[in-house]
mmCIF file of all heavy atoms, coordinates in Angstrom:
data_MODEL
# 
_entry.id   MODEL 
# 
loop_
_atom_site.group_PDB 
_atom_site.id 
_atom_site.type_symbol 
_atom_site.label_atom_id 
_atom_site.label_alt_id 
_atom_site.label_comp_id 
_atom_site.label_asym_id 
_atom_site.label_entity_id 
_atom_site.label_seq_id 
_atom_site.pdbx_PDB_ins_code 
_atom_site.Cartn_x 
_atom_site.Cartn_y 
_atom_site.Cartn_z 
_atom_site.occupancy 
_atom_site.B_iso_or_equiv 
_atom_site.pdbx_formal_charge 
_atom_site.auth_seq_id 
_atom_site.auth_comp_id 
_atom_site.auth_asym_id 
_atom_site.auth_atom_id 
_atom_site.pdbx_PDB_model_num 
ATOM 1   N N   . SER A 1 1  ? 118.035 90.676  134.642 1.00 0.00 ? 1  SER A N   1 
ATOM 2   C CA  . SER A 1 1  ? 117.678 91.937  133.982 1.00 0.00 ? 1  SER A CA  1 
ATOM 3   C C   . SER A 1 1  ? 117.163 93.000  134.941 1.00 0.00 ? 1  SER A C   1 
ATOM 4   O O   . SER A 1 1  ? 116.722 94.064  134.508 1.00 0.00 ? 1  SER A O   1 
ATOM 5   C CB  . SER A 1 1  ? 116.610 91.683  132.917 1.00 0.00 ? 1  SER A CB  1 
ATOM 6   O OG  . SER A 1 1  ? 117.077 90.787  131.946 1.00 0.00 ? 1  SER A OG  1 
ATOM 7   N N   . ASP A 1 2  ? 117.162 92.737  136.227 1.00 0.00 ? 2  ASP A N   1 
ATOM 8   C CA  . ASP A 1 2  ? 116.700 93.690  137.235 1.00 0.00 ? 2  ASP A CA  1 
ATOM 9   C C   . ASP A 1 2  ? 115.282 94.179  136.950 1.00 0.00 ? 2  ASP A C   1 
ATOM 10  O O   . ASP A 1 2  ? 114.973 95.354  137.133 1.00 0.00 ? 2  ASP A O   1 
ATOM 11  C CB  . ASP A 1 2  ? 117.650 94.891  137.341 1.00 0.00 ? 2  ASP A CB  1 
ATOM 12  C CG  . ASP A 1 2  ? 119.041 94.487  137.801 1.00 0.00 ? 2  ASP A CG  1 
ATOM 13  O OD1 . ASP A 1 2  ? 119.146 93.542  138.596 1.00 0.00 ? 2  ASP A OD1 1 
ATOM 14  O OD2 . ASP A 1 2  ? 120.010 95.132  137.359 1.00 0.00 ? 2  ASP A OD2 1 
ATOM 15  N N   . SER A 1 3  ? 114.443 93.314  136.457 1.00 0.00 ? 3  SER A N   1 
ATOM 16  C CA  . SER A 1 3  ? 113.031 93.556  136.139 1.00 0.00 ? 3  SER A CA  1 
ATOM 17  C C   . SER A 1 3  ? 112.807 94.482  134.951 1.00 0.00 ? 3  SER A C   1 
ATOM 18  O O   . SER A 1 3  ? 111.683 94.866  134.666 1.00 0.00 ? 3  SER A O   1 
ATOM 19  C CB  . SER A 1 3  ? 112.259 94.077  137.357 1.00 0.00 ? 3  SER A CB  1 
ATOM 20  O OG  . SER A 1 3  ? 112.558 95.433  137.631 1.00 0.00 ? 3  SER A OG  1 
ATOM 21  N N   . PHE A 1 4  ? 113.881 94.829  134.246 1.00 0.00 ? 4  PHE A N   1 
ATOM 22  C CA  . PHE A 1 4  ? 113.739 95.629  133.026 1.00 0.00 ? 4  PHE A CA  1 
ATOM 23  C C   . PHE A 1 4  ? 113.744 94.703  131.821 1.00 0.00 ? 4  PHE A C   1 
ATOM 24  O O   . PHE A 1 4  ? 114.525 93.750  131.764 1.00 0.00 ? 4  PHE A O   1 
ATOM 25  C CB  . PHE A 1 4  ? 114.879 96.651  132.886 1.00 0.00 ? 4  PHE A CB  1 
ATOM 26  C CG  . PHE A 1 4  ? 114.821 97.733  133.918 1.00 0.00 ? 4  PHE A CG  1 
ATOM 27  C CD1 . PHE A 1 4  ? 115.625 97.682  135.045 1.00 0.00 ? 4  PHE A CD1 1 
ATOM 28  C CD2 . PHE A 1 4  ? 113.951 98.801  133.758 1.00 0.00 ? 4  PHE A CD2 1 
ATOM 29  C CE1 . PHE A 1 4  ? 115.562 98.677  136.002 1.00 0.00 ? 4  PHE A CE1 1 
ATOM 30  C CE2 . PHE A 1 4  ? 113.889 99.801  134.706 1.00 0.00 ? 4  PHE A CE2 1 
ATOM 31  C CZ  . PHE A 1 4  ? 114.694 99.740  135.839 1.00 0.00 ? 4  PHE A CZ  1 
ATOM 32  N N   . GLN A 1 5  ? 112.883 94.984  130.870 1.00 0.00 ? 5  GLN A N   1 
ATOM 33  C CA  . GLN A 1 5  ? 112.868 94.142  129.678 1.00 0.00 ? 5  GLN A CA  1 
ATOM 34  C C   . GLN A 1 5  ? 114.104 94.422  128.830 1.00 0.00 ? 5  GLN A C   1 
ATOM 35  O O   . GLN A 1 5  ? 114.588 95.550  128.768 1.00 0.00 ? 5  GLN A O   1 
ATOM 36  C CB  . GLN A 1 5  ? 111.591 94.352  128.867 1.00 0.00 ? 5  GLN A CB  1 
ATOM 37  C CG  . GLN A 1 5  ? 111.400 95.725  128.299 1.00 0.00 ? 5  GLN A CG  1 
ATOM 38  C CD  . GLN A 1 5  ? 110.048 95.863  127.619 1.00 0.00 ? 5  GLN A CD  1 
ATOM 39  O OE1 . GLN A 1 5  ? 109.238 94.960  127.630 1.00 0.00 ? 5  GLN A OE1 1 
ATOM 40  N NE2 . GLN A 1 5  ? 109.814 97.005  127.018 1.00 0.00 ? 5  GLN A NE2 1 
ATOM 41  N N   . ARG A 1 6  ? 114.583 93.386  128.188 1.00 0.00 ? 6  ARG A N   1 
ATOM 42  C CA  . ARG A 1 6  ? 115.767 93.471  127.317 1.00 0.00 ? 6  ARG A CA  1 
ATOM 43  C C   . ARG A 1 6  ? 115.425 92.815  125.985 1.00 0.00 ? 6  ARG A C   1 
ATOM 44  O O   . ARG A 1 6  ? 114.797 91.758  125.948 1.00 0.00 ? 6  ARG A O   1 
ATOM 45  C CB  . ARG A 1 6  ? 116.957 92.738  127.931 1.00 0.00 ? 6  ARG A CB  1 
ATOM 46  C CG  . ARG A 1 6  ? 117.346 93.182  129.296 1.00 0.00 ? 6  ARG A CG  1 
ATOM 47  C CD  . ARG A 1 6  ? 118.170 94.422  129.260 1.00 0.00 ? 6  ARG A CD  1 
ATOM 48  N NE  . ARG A 1 6  ? 118.568 94.734  130.628 1.00 0.00 ? 6  ARG A NE  1 
ATOM 49  C CZ  . ARG A 1 6  ? 119.129 95.842  130.984 1.00 0.00 ? 6  ARG A CZ  1 
ATOM 50  N NH1 . ARG A 1 6  ? 119.378 96.756  130.083 1.00 0.00 ? 6  ARG A NH1 1 
ATOM 51  N NH2 . ARG A 1 6  ? 119.448 96.059  132.230 1.00 0.00 ? 6  ARG A NH2 1 
ATOM 52  N N   . PHE A 1 7  ? 115.856 93.456  124.897 1.00 0.00 ? 7  PHE A N   1 
ATOM 53  C CA  . PHE A 1 7  ? 115.615 92.937  123.555 1.00 0.00 ? 7  PHE A CA  1 
ATOM 54  C C   . PHE A 1 7  ? 116.927 92.811  122.802 1.00 0.00 ? 7  PHE A C   1 
ATOM 55  O O   . PHE A 1 7  ? 117.844 93.617  122.987 1.00 0.00 ? 7  PHE A O   1 
ATOM 56  C CB  . PHE A 1 7  ? 114.710 93.872  122.746 1.00 0.00 ? 7  PHE A CB  1 
ATOM 57  C CG  . PHE A 1 7  ? 113.341 94.055  123.331 1.00 0.00 ? 7  PHE A CG  1 
ATOM 58  C CD1 . PHE A 1 7  ? 112.921 95.304  123.745 1.00 0.00 ? 7  PHE A CD1 1 
ATOM 59  C CD2 . PHE A 1 7  ? 112.470 92.990  123.452 1.00 0.00 ? 7  PHE A CD2 1 
ATOM 60  C CE1 . PHE A 1 7  ? 111.656 95.487  124.283 1.00 0.00 ? 7  PHE A CE1 1 
ATOM 61  C CE2 . PHE A 1 7  ? 111.204 93.160  123.971 1.00 0.00 ? 7  PHE A CE2 1 
ATOM 62  C CZ  . PHE A 1 7  ? 110.795 94.413  124.400 1.00 0.00 ? 7  PHE A CZ  1 
ATOM 63  N N   . LEU A 1 8  ? 116.999 91.821  121.916 1.00 0.00 ? 8  LEU A N   1 
ATOM 64  C CA  . LEU A 1 8  ? 118.108 91.776  120.966 1.00 0.00 ? 8  LEU A CA  1 
ATOM 65  C C   . LEU A 1 8  ? 117.923 92.936  119.997 1.00 0.00 ? 8  LEU A C   1 
ATOM 66  O O   . LEU A 1 8  ? 116.785 93.347  119.711 1.00 0.00 ? 8  LEU A O   1 
ATOM 67  C CB  . LEU A 1 8  ? 118.106 90.442  120.210 1.00 0.00 ? 8  LEU A CB  1 
ATOM 68  C CG  . LEU A 1 8  ? 118.435 89.191  121.020 1.00 0.00 ? 8  LEU A CG  1 
ATOM 69  C CD1 . LEU A 1 8  ? 118.362 87.957  120.119 1.00 0.00 ? 8  LEU A CD1 1 
ATOM 70  C CD2 . LEU A 1 8  ? 119.798 89.299  121.661 1.00 0.00 ? 8  LEU A CD2 1 
ATOM 71  N N   . PRO A 1 9  ? 119.004 93.485  119.430 1.00 0.00 ? 9  PRO A N   1 
ATOM 72  C CA  . PRO A 1 9  ? 118.866 94.616  118.515 1.00 0.00 ? 9  PRO A CA  1 
ATOM 73  C C   . PRO A 1 9  ? 118.294 94.246  117.145 1.00 0.00 ? 9  PRO A C   1 
ATOM 74  O O   . PRO A 1 9  ? 117.845 95.103  116.396 1.00 0.00 ? 9  PRO A O   1 
ATOM 75  C CB  . PRO A 1 9  ? 120.290 95.159  118.381 1.00 0.00 ? 9  PRO A CB  1 
ATOM 76  C CG  . PRO A 1 9  ? 121.168 93.999  118.725 1.00 0.00 ? 9  PRO A CG  1 
ATOM 77  C CD  . PRO A 1 9  ? 120.405 93.174  119.711 1.00 0.00 ? 9  PRO A CD  1 
ATOM 78  N N   . VAL A 1 10 ? 118.293 92.951  116.826 1.00 0.00 ? 10 VAL A N   1 
ATOM 79  C CA  . VAL A 1 10 ? 117.780 92.481  115.542 1.00 0.00 ? 10 VAL A CA  1 
ATOM 80  C C   . VAL A 1 10 ? 116.363 91.948  115.759 1.00 0.00 ? 10 VAL A C   1 
ATOM 81  O O   . VAL A 1 10 ? 116.133 91.178  116.688 1.00 0.00 ? 10 VAL A O   1 
ATOM 82  C CB  . VAL A 1 10 ? 118.683 91.367  114.969 1.00 0.00 ? 10 VAL A CB  1 
ATOM 83  C CG1 . VAL A 1 10 ? 118.125 90.808  113.681 1.00 0.00 ? 10 VAL A CG1 1 
ATOM 84  C CG2 . VAL A 1 10 ? 120.096 91.886  114.767 1.00 0.00 ? 10 VAL A CG2 1 
ATOM 85  N N   . PRO A 1 11 ? 115.403 92.361  114.933 1.00 0.00 ? 11 PRO A N   1 
ATOM 86  C CA  . PRO A 1 11 ? 114.033 91.883  115.137 1.00 0.00 ? 11 PRO A CA  1 
ATOM 87  C C   . PRO A 1 11 ? 113.886 90.403  114.808 1.00 0.00 ? 11 PRO A C   1 
ATOM 88  O O   . PRO A 1 11 ? 114.582 89.870  113.954 1.00 0.00 ? 11 PRO A O   1 
ATOM 89  C CB  . PRO A 1 11 ? 113.209 92.734  114.167 1.00 0.00 ? 11 PRO A CB  1 
ATOM 90  C CG  . PRO A 1 11 ? 114.168 93.142  113.109 1.00 0.00 ? 11 PRO A CG  1 
ATOM 91  C CD  . PRO A 1 11 ? 115.500 93.263  113.787 1.00 0.00 ? 11 PRO A CD  1 
ATOM 92  N N   . GLY A 1 12 ? 112.929 89.753  115.467 1.00 0.00 ? 12 GLY A N   1 
ATOM 93  C CA  . GLY A 1 12 ? 112.623 88.359  115.194 1.00 0.00 ? 12 GLY A CA  1 
ATOM 94  C C   . GLY A 1 12 ? 111.742 88.212  113.966 1.00 0.00 ? 12 GLY A C   1 
ATOM 95  O O   . GLY A 1 12 ? 111.743 87.178  113.316 1.00 0.00 ? 12 GLY A O   1 
ATOM 96  N N   . ARG A 1 13 ? 110.982 89.232  113.662 1.00 0.00 ? 13 ARG A N   1 
ATOM 97  C CA  . ARG A 1 13 ? 110.101 89.229  112.489 1.00 0.00 ? 13 ARG A CA  1 
ATOM 98  C C   . ARG A 1 13 ? 110.042 90.629  111.925 1.00 0.00 ? 13 ARG A C   1 
ATOM 99  O O   . ARG A 1 13 ? 109.951 91.598  112.663 1.00 0.00 ? 13 ARG A O   1 
ATOM 100 C CB  . ARG A 1 13 ? 108.691 88.795  112.901 1.00 0.00 ? 13 ARG A CB  1 
ATOM 101 C CG  . ARG A 1 13 ? 107.673 88.895  111.781 1.00 0.00 ? 13 ARG A CG  1 
ATOM 102 C CD  . ARG A 1 13 ? 106.256 88.563  112.280 1.00 0.00 ? 13 ARG A CD  1 
ATOM 103 N NE  . ARG A 1 13 ? 105.285 88.764  111.239 1.00 0.00 ? 13 ARG A NE  1 
ATOM 104 C CZ  . ARG A 1 13 ? 104.522 89.853  111.114 1.00 0.00 ? 13 ARG A CZ  1 
ATOM 105 N NH1 . ARG A 1 13 ? 104.639 90.848  111.959 1.00 0.00 ? 13 ARG A NH1 1 
ATOM 106 N NH2 . ARG A 1 13 ? 103.650 89.949  110.143 1.00 0.00 ? 13 ARG A NH2 1 
ATOM 107 N N   . ARG A 1 14 ? 110.140 90.710  110.611 1.00 0.00 ? 14 ARG A N   1 
ATOM 108 C CA  . ARG A 1 14 ? 109.954 91.978  109.896 1.00 0.00 ? 14 ARG A CA  1 
ATOM 109 C C   . ARG A 1 14 ? 108.882 91.774  108.850 1.00 0.00 ? 14 ARG A C   1 
ATOM 110 O O   . ARG A 1 14 ? 108.765 90.705  108.262 1.00 0.00 ? 14 ARG A O   1 
ATOM 111 C CB  . ARG A 1 14 ? 111.225 92.418  109.175 1.00 0.00 ? 14 ARG A CB  1 
ATOM 112 C CG  . ARG A 1 14 ? 112.304 92.888  110.056 1.00 0.00 ? 14 ARG A CG  1 
ATOM 113 C CD  . ARG A 1 14 ? 113.394 93.434  109.182 1.00 0.00 ? 14 ARG A CD  1 
ATOM 114 N NE  . ARG A 1 14 ? 114.662 92.895  109.623 1.00 0.00 ? 14 ARG A NE  1 
ATOM 115 C CZ  . ARG A 1 14 ? 115.803 93.486  109.429 1.00 0.00 ? 14 ARG A CZ  1 
ATOM 116 N NH1 . ARG A 1 14 ? 115.860 94.596  108.752 1.00 0.00 ? 14 ARG A NH1 1 
ATOM 117 N NH2 . ARG A 1 14 ? 116.907 92.945  109.870 1.00 0.00 ? 14 ARG A NH2 1 
ATOM 118 N N   . GLY A 1 15 ? 108.141 92.818  108.576 1.00 0.00 ? 15 GLY A N   1 
ATOM 119 C CA  . GLY A 1 15 ? 107.132 92.710  107.542 1.00 0.00 ? 15 GLY A CA  1 
ATOM 120 C C   . GLY A 1 15 ? 106.338 93.990  107.407 1.00 0.00 ? 15 GLY A C   1 
ATOM 121 O O   . GLY A 1 15 ? 106.624 94.995  108.057 1.00 0.00 ? 15 GLY A O   1 
ATOM 122 N N   . VAL A 1 16 ? 105.336 93.916  106.570 1.00 0.00 ? 16 VAL A N   1 
ATOM 123 C CA  . VAL A 1 16 ? 104.422 95.027  106.350 1.00 0.00 ? 16 VAL A CA  1 
ATOM 124 C C   . VAL A 1 16 ? 103.005 94.495  106.441 1.00 0.00 ? 16 VAL A C   1 
ATOM 125 O O   . VAL A 1 16 ? 102.681 93.475  105.821 1.00 0.00 ? 16 VAL A O   1 
ATOM 126 C CB  . VAL A 1 16 ? 104.645 95.679  104.961 1.00 0.00 ? 16 VAL A CB  1 
ATOM 127 C CG1 . VAL A 1 16 ? 103.616 96.768  104.702 1.00 0.00 ? 16 VAL A CG1 1 
ATOM 128 C CG2 . VAL A 1 16 ? 106.049 96.237  104.849 1.00 0.00 ? 16 VAL A CG2 1 
ATOM 129 N N   . ASP A 1 17 ? 102.191 95.155  107.247 1.00 0.00 ? 17 ASP A N   1 
ATOM 130 C CA  . ASP A 1 17 ? 100.772 94.840  107.322 1.00 0.00 ? 17 ASP A CA  1 
ATOM 131 C C   . ASP A 1 17 ? 100.015 95.999  106.686 1.00 0.00 ? 17 ASP A C   1 
ATOM 132 O O   . ASP A 1 17 ? 100.318 97.164  106.961 1.00 0.00 ? 17 ASP A O   1 
ATOM 133 C CB  . ASP A 1 17 ? 100.309 94.668  108.769 1.00 0.00 ? 17 ASP A CB  1 
ATOM 134 C CG  . ASP A 1 17 ? 100.912 93.447  109.453 1.00 0.00 ? 17 ASP A CG  1 
ATOM 135 O OD1 . ASP A 1 17 ? 101.460 92.577  108.748 1.00 0.00 ? 17 ASP A OD1 1 
ATOM 136 O OD2 . ASP A 1 17 ? 100.835 93.370  110.686 1.00 0.00 ? 17 ASP A OD2 1 
ATOM 137 N N   . ILE A 1 18 ? 99.065  95.682  105.838 1.00 0.00 ? 18 ILE A N   1 
ATOM 138 C CA  . ILE A 1 18 ? 98.254  96.702  105.163 1.00 0.00 ? 18 ILE A CA  1 
ATOM 139 C C   . ILE A 1 18 ? 96.792  96.449  105.500 1.00 0.00 ? 18 ILE A C   1 
ATOM 140 O O   . ILE A 1 18 ? 96.313  95.323  105.399 1.00 0.00 ? 18 ILE A O   1 
ATOM 141 C CB  . ILE A 1 18 ? 98.444  96.652  103.637 1.00 0.00 ? 18 ILE A CB  1 
ATOM 142 C CG1 . ILE A 1 18 ? 99.896  96.961  103.258 1.00 0.00 ? 18 ILE A CG1 1 
ATOM 143 C CG2 . ILE A 1 18 ? 97.497  97.628  102.944 1.00 0.00 ? 18 ILE A CG2 1 
ATOM 144 C CD1 . ILE A 1 18 ? 100.193 96.809  101.775 1.00 0.00 ? 18 ILE A CD1 1 
ATOM 145 N N   . SER A 1 19 ? 96.100  97.498  105.912 1.00 0.00 ? 19 SER A N   1 
ATOM 146 C CA  . SER A 1 19 ? 94.661  97.432  106.156 1.00 0.00 ? 19 SER A CA  1 
ATOM 147 C C   . SER A 1 19 ? 93.978  98.420  105.229 1.00 0.00 ? 19 SER A C   1 
ATOM 148 O O   . SER A 1 19 ? 94.454  99.544  105.062 1.00 0.00 ? 19 SER A O   1 
ATOM 149 C CB  . SER A 1 19 ? 94.332  97.804  107.601 1.00 0.00 ? 19 SER A CB  1 
ATOM 150 O OG  . SER A 1 19 ? 94.944  96.910  108.492 1.00 0.00 ? 19 SER A OG  1 
ATOM 151 N N   . VAL A 1 20 ? 92.882  97.993  104.629 1.00 0.00 ? 20 VAL A N   1 
ATOM 152 C CA  . VAL A 1 20 ? 92.085  98.876  103.772 1.00 0.00 ? 20 VAL A CA  1 
ATOM 153 C C   . VAL A 1 20 ? 90.622  98.733  104.172 1.00 0.00 ? 20 VAL A C   1 
ATOM 154 O O   . VAL A 1 20 ? 90.193  97.686  104.657 1.00 0.00 ? 20 VAL A O   1 
ATOM 155 C CB  . VAL A 1 20 ? 92.247  98.553  102.262 1.00 0.00 ? 20 VAL A CB  1 
ATOM 156 C CG1 . VAL A 1 20 ? 93.652  98.824  101.788 1.00 0.00 ? 20 VAL A CG1 1 
ATOM 157 C CG2 . VAL A 1 20 ? 91.857  97.120  101.953 1.00 0.00 ? 20 VAL A CG2 1 
ATOM 158 N N   . SER A 1 21 ? 89.868  99.809  103.964 1.00 0.00 ? 21 SER A N   1 
ATOM 159 C CA  . SER A 1 21 ? 88.422  99.752  104.182 1.00 0.00 ? 21 SER A CA  1 
ATOM 160 C C   . SER A 1 21 ? 87.759  100.762 103.267 1.00 0.00 ? 21 SER A C   1 
ATOM 161 O O   . SER A 1 21 ? 88.380  101.737 102.838 1.00 0.00 ? 21 SER A O   1 
ATOM 162 C CB  . SER A 1 21 ? 88.063  100.025 105.644 1.00 0.00 ? 21 SER A CB  1 
ATOM 163 O OG  . SER A 1 21 ? 88.403  101.346 106.005 1.00 0.00 ? 21 SER A OG  1 
ATOM 164 N N   . GLY A 1 22 ? 86.499  100.509 102.969 1.00 0.00 ? 22 GLY A N   1 
ATOM 165 C CA  . GLY A 1 22 ? 85.770  101.411 102.093 1.00 0.00 ? 22 GLY A CA  1 
ATOM 166 C C   . GLY A 1 22 ? 84.404  100.866 101.748 1.00 0.00 ? 22 GLY A C   1 
ATOM 167 O O   . GLY A 1 22 ? 83.863  100.001 102.443 1.00 0.00 ? 22 GLY A O   1 
ATOM 168 N N   . VAL A 1 23 ? 83.860  101.358 100.667 1.00 0.00 ? 23 VAL A N   1 
ATOM 169 C CA  . VAL A 1 23 ? 82.535  100.963 100.204 1.00 0.00 ? 23 VAL A CA  1 
ATOM 170 C C   . VAL A 1 23 ? 82.658  99.689  99.378  1.00 0.00 ? 23 VAL A C   1 
ATOM 171 O O   . VAL A 1 23 ? 83.490  99.606  98.474  1.00 0.00 ? 23 VAL A O   1 
ATOM 172 C CB  . VAL A 1 23 ? 81.899  102.086 99.367  1.00 0.00 ? 23 VAL A CB  1 
ATOM 173 C CG1 . VAL A 1 23 ? 80.546  101.659 98.814  1.00 0.00 ? 23 VAL A CG1 1 
ATOM 174 C CG2 . VAL A 1 23 ? 81.767  103.359 100.195 1.00 0.00 ? 23 VAL A CG2 1 
ATOM 175 N N   . ALA A 1 24 ? 81.836  98.683  99.699  1.00 0.00 ? 24 ALA A N   1 
ATOM 176 C CA  . ALA A 1 24 ? 81.847  97.427  98.937  1.00 0.00 ? 24 ALA A CA  1 
ATOM 177 C C   . ALA A 1 24 ? 81.216  97.662  97.572  1.00 0.00 ? 24 ALA A C   1 
ATOM 178 O O   . ALA A 1 24 ? 80.122  98.199  97.470  1.00 0.00 ? 24 ALA A O   1 
ATOM 179 C CB  . ALA A 1 24 ? 81.090  96.340  99.690  1.00 0.00 ? 24 ALA A CB  1 
ATOM 180 N N   . THR A 1 25 ? 81.939  97.290  96.526  1.00 0.00 ? 25 THR A N   1 
ATOM 181 C CA  . THR A 1 25 ? 81.452  97.424  95.151  1.00 0.00 ? 25 THR A CA  1 
ATOM 182 C C   . THR A 1 25 ? 81.636  96.092  94.439  1.00 0.00 ? 25 THR A C   1 
ATOM 183 O O   . THR A 1 25 ? 82.312  95.191  94.944  1.00 0.00 ? 25 THR A O   1 
ATOM 184 C CB  . THR A 1 25 ? 82.240  98.508  94.376  1.00 0.00 ? 25 THR A CB  1 
ATOM 185 O OG1 . THR A 1 25 ? 83.592  98.043  94.212  1.00 0.00 ? 25 THR A OG1 1 
ATOM 186 C CG2 . THR A 1 25 ? 82.241  99.848  95.094  1.00 0.00 ? 25 THR A CG2 1 
ATOM 187 N N   . VAL A 1 26 ? 81.078  95.991  93.268  1.00 0.00 ? 26 VAL A N   1 
ATOM 188 C CA  . VAL A 1 26 ? 81.278  94.789  92.461  1.00 0.00 ? 26 VAL A CA  1 
ATOM 189 C C   . VAL A 1 26 ? 82.772  94.593  92.200  1.00 0.00 ? 26 VAL A C   1 
ATOM 190 O O   . VAL A 1 26 ? 83.281  93.472  92.196  1.00 0.00 ? 26 VAL A O   1 
ATOM 191 C CB  . VAL A 1 26 ? 80.499  94.894  91.129  1.00 0.00 ? 26 VAL A CB  1 
ATOM 192 C CG1 . VAL A 1 26 ? 80.831  93.737  90.216  1.00 0.00 ? 26 VAL A CG1 1 
ATOM 193 C CG2 . VAL A 1 26 ? 79.012  94.964  91.403  1.00 0.00 ? 26 VAL A CG2 1 
ATOM 194 N N   . ASP A 1 27 ? 83.506  95.692  92.014  1.00 0.00 ? 27 ASP A N   1 
ATOM 195 C CA  . ASP A 1 27 ? 84.922  95.604  91.680  1.00 0.00 ? 27 ASP A CA  1 
ATOM 196 C C   . ASP A 1 27 ? 85.806  95.157  92.836  1.00 0.00 ? 27 ASP A C   1 
ATOM 197 O O   . ASP A 1 27 ? 86.888  94.634  92.612  1.00 0.00 ? 27 ASP A O   1 
ATOM 198 C CB  . ASP A 1 27 ? 85.428  96.956  91.161  1.00 0.00 ? 27 ASP A CB  1 
ATOM 199 C CG  . ASP A 1 27 ? 84.824  97.306  89.826  1.00 0.00 ? 27 ASP A CG  1 
ATOM 200 O OD1 . ASP A 1 27 ? 84.524  96.385  89.044  1.00 0.00 ? 27 ASP A OD1 1 
ATOM 201 O OD2 . ASP A 1 27 ? 84.643  98.511  89.564  1.00 0.00 ? 27 ASP A OD2 1 
ATOM 202 N N   . ASN A 1 28 ? 85.392  95.385  94.081  1.00 0.00 ? 28 ASN A N   1 
ATOM 203 C CA  . ASN A 1 28 ? 86.242  94.931  95.173  1.00 0.00 ? 28 ASN A CA  1 
ATOM 204 C C   . ASN A 1 28 ? 85.651  93.746  95.932  1.00 0.00 ? 28 ASN A C   1 
ATOM 205 O O   . ASN A 1 28 ? 86.378  92.884  96.378  1.00 0.00 ? 28 ASN A O   1 
ATOM 206 C CB  . ASN A 1 28 ? 86.616  96.071  96.122  1.00 0.00 ? 28 ASN A CB  1 
ATOM 207 C CG  . ASN A 1 28 ? 85.436  96.707  96.819  1.00 0.00 ? 28 ASN A CG  1 
ATOM 208 O OD1 . ASN A 1 28 ? 84.445  96.062  97.131  1.00 0.00 ? 28 ASN A OD1 1 
ATOM 209 N ND2 . ASN A 1 28 ? 85.526  98.000  97.070  1.00 0.00 ? 28 ASN A ND2 1 
# 
């Protein structure tokens, strides 16, 4: 690869990550 990184065009993993933050209440 002549020291250049190479990737396959198809991902090995796909997904969605969700982060939430806020005030802690009885409801959450």
